[in-house]
C-alpha atoms as a PDB file:
ATOM      1  CA  UNK A   1      -0.012   0.050  -0.023  1.00  0.00           C
ATOM      2  CA  UNK A   2       2.889   2.340   0.739  1.00  0.00           C
ATOM      3  CA  UNK A   3       4.296   1.892  -2.855  1.00  0.00           C
ATOM      4  CA  UNK A   4       1.101   3.048  -4.619  1.00  0.00           C
ATOM      5  CA  UNK A   5      -0.868   6.207  -4.966  1.00  0.00           C
ATOM      6  CA  UNK A   6      -4.167   4.263  -4.590  1.00  0.00           C
ATOM      7  CA  UNK A   7      -6.265   4.842  -1.483  1.00  0.00           C
ATOM      8  CA  UNK A   8      -7.222   1.876   0.691  1.00  0.00           C
ATOM      9  CA  UNK A   9     -10.765   2.063  -0.638  1.00  0.00           C
ATOM     10  CA  UNK A  10      -9.459   1.934  -4.239  1.00  0.00           C
ATOM     11  CA  UNK A  11      -6.931  -0.867  -3.507  1.00  0.00           C
ATOM     12  CA  UNK A  12      -9.224  -3.056  -1.445  1.00  0.00           C
ATOM     13  CA  UNK A  13     -12.876  -3.146  -2.222  1.00  0.00           C
ATOM     14  CA  UNK A  14     -13.952  -6.245  -0.382  1.00  0.00           C
ATOM     15  CA  UNK A  15     -13.777  -7.914   2.956  1.00  0.00           C
ATOM     16  CA  UNK A  16     -11.382 -10.644   1.706  1.00  0.00           C
ATOM     17  CA  UNK A  17      -8.712  -8.156   0.609  1.00  0.00           C
ATOM     18  CA  UNK A  18      -9.134  -6.053   3.729  1.00  0.00           C
ATOM     19  CA  UNK A  19      -8.526  -9.250   5.761  1.00  0.00           C
ATOM     20  CA  UNK A  20      -5.559 -10.222   3.760  1.00  0.00           C
ATOM     21  CA  UNK A  21      -4.010  -6.725   4.203  1.00  0.00           C
ATOM     22  CA  UNK A  22      -4.547  -6.838   7.911  1.00  0.00           C
ATOM     23  CA  UNK A  23      -3.055 -10.347   8.156  1.00  0.00           C
ATOM     24  CA  UNK A  24       0.001  -9.442   6.109  1.00  0.00           C
ATOM     25  CA  UNK A  25       0.504  -6.237   8.179  1.00  0.00           C
ATOM     26  CA  UNK A  26       0.595  -8.319  11.315  1.00  0.00           C
ATOM     27  CA  UNK A  27       2.887 -11.146   9.970  1.00  0.00           C
ATOM     28  CA  UNK A  28       5.003  -9.434   7.219  1.00  0.00           C
ATOM     29  CA  UNK A  29       8.191  -9.950   9.233  1.00  0.00           C
ATOM     30  CA  UNK A  30       7.573 -13.660   9.888  1.00  0.00           C
ATOM     31  CA  UNK A  31       5.578 -15.129   7.054  1.00  0.00           C
ATOM     32  CA  UNK A  32       7.125 -18.587   7.371  1.00  0.00           C
ATOM     33  CA  UNK A  33       5.806 -18.893  10.951  1.00  0.00           C
ATOM     34  CA  UNK A  34       2.368 -17.750   9.775  1.00  0.00           C
ATOM     35  CA  UNK A  35       2.367 -20.482   7.110  1.00  0.00           C
ATOM     36  CA  UNK A  36       3.158 -23.009   9.802  1.00  0.00           C
ATOM     37  CA  UNK A  37      -0.133 -22.024  11.554  1.00  0.00           C
ATOM     38  CA  UNK A  38      -2.295 -21.889   8.483  1.00  0.00           C
ATOM     39  CA  UNK A  39      -4.249 -24.944   7.411  1.00  0.00           C
ATOM     40  CA  UNK A  40      -2.708 -25.044   3.851  1.00  0.00           C
ATOM     41  CA  UNK A  41       0.769 -24.559   5.354  1.00  0.00           C
ATOM     42  CA  UNK A  42       0.173 -27.433   7.685  1.00  0.00           C
ATOM     43  CA  UNK A  43      -0.896 -29.583   4.816  1.00  0.00           C
ATOM     44  CA  UNK A  44       2.275 -28.766   2.808  1.00  0.00           C
ATOM     45  CA  UNK A  45       4.329 -29.624   5.935  1.00  0.00           C
ATOM     46  CA  UNK A  46       2.600 -33.021   6.137  1.00  0.00           C
ATOM     47  CA  UNK A  47       3.583 -33.487   2.440  1.00  0.00           C
ATOM     48  CA  UNK A  48       7.264 -32.667   3.354  1.00  0.00           C
ATOM     49  CA  UNK A  49       7.127 -29.429   1.412  1.00  0.00           C
ATOM     50  CA  UNK A  50       9.014 -27.156   3.848  1.00  0.00           C
ATOM     51  CA  UNK A  51      11.153 -25.852   1.071  1.00  0.00           C
ATOM     52  CA  UNK A  52       8.044 -24.695  -0.776  1.00  0.00           C
ATOM     53  CA  UNK A  53       6.863 -22.818   2.294  1.00  0.00           C
ATOM     54  CA  UNK A  54      10.217 -21.179   2.699  1.00  0.00           C
ATOM     55  CA  UNK A  55      10.209 -20.036  -0.955  1.00  0.00           C
ATOM     56  CA  UNK A  56       6.694 -18.659  -0.669  1.00  0.00           C
ATOM     57  CA  UNK A  57       7.548 -16.769   2.491  1.00  0.00           C
ATOM     58  CA  UNK A  58      10.111 -14.639   0.718  1.00  0.00           C
ATOM     59  CA  UNK A  59       9.107 -11.178  -0.401  1.00  0.00           C
ATOM     60  CA  UNK A  60      10.223  -9.050  -3.352  1.00  0.00           C
ATOM     61  CA  UNK A  61      11.959 -11.865  -5.231  1.00  0.00           C
ATOM     62  CA  UNK A  62      10.158 -11.377  -8.463  1.00  0.00           C
ATOM     63  CA  UNK A  63       9.791  -8.272 -10.724  1.00  0.00           C
ATOM     64  CA  UNK A  64       6.121  -9.114 -11.664  1.00  0.00           C
ATOM     65  CA  UNK A  65       3.083  -8.047  -9.631  1.00  0.00           C
ATOM     66  CA  UNK A  66      -0.111 -10.038 -10.574  1.00  0.00           C
ATOM     67  CA  UNK A  67      -3.181  -7.776 -10.380  1.00  0.00           C
ATOM     68  CA  UNK A  68      -6.668  -9.098 -10.542  1.00  0.00           C
ATOM     69  CA  UNK A  69      -8.386  -7.476 -13.557  1.00  0.00           C
ATOM     70  CA  UNK A  70     -11.690  -9.343 -12.934  1.00  0.00           C
ATOM     71  CA  UNK A  71     -12.645 -12.549 -11.054  1.00  0.00           C
ATOM     72  CA  UNK A  72     -10.460 -15.249 -12.442  1.00  0.00           C
ATOM     73  CA  UNK A  73      -8.247 -13.025 -14.535  1.00  0.00           C
ATOM     74  CA  UNK A  74      -4.751 -11.934 -13.439  1.00  0.00           C
ATOM     75  CA  UNK A  75      -2.552  -9.492 -15.380  1.00  0.00           C
ATOM     76  CA  UNK A  76       1.064  -8.758 -14.706  1.00  0.00           C
ATOM     77  CA  UNK A  77       2.233  -5.260 -13.776  1.00  0.00           C
END
């Protein structure tokens, strides 16, 4: 949010996005631990996919930002 000129209302727009922003704000410095508590993260751990969780917990490793254009359609920015 800090790297855009969009307001929170323009950026969010629905409860799921607002919840995701709040969750990320709380856990942004320890995403891997968050994934250990999340149901899908626990499932990946049961499948011996710790390396996948470690990869997914990294930030700013790609120069592409997927933006939802409409439900089911992502565009790169």
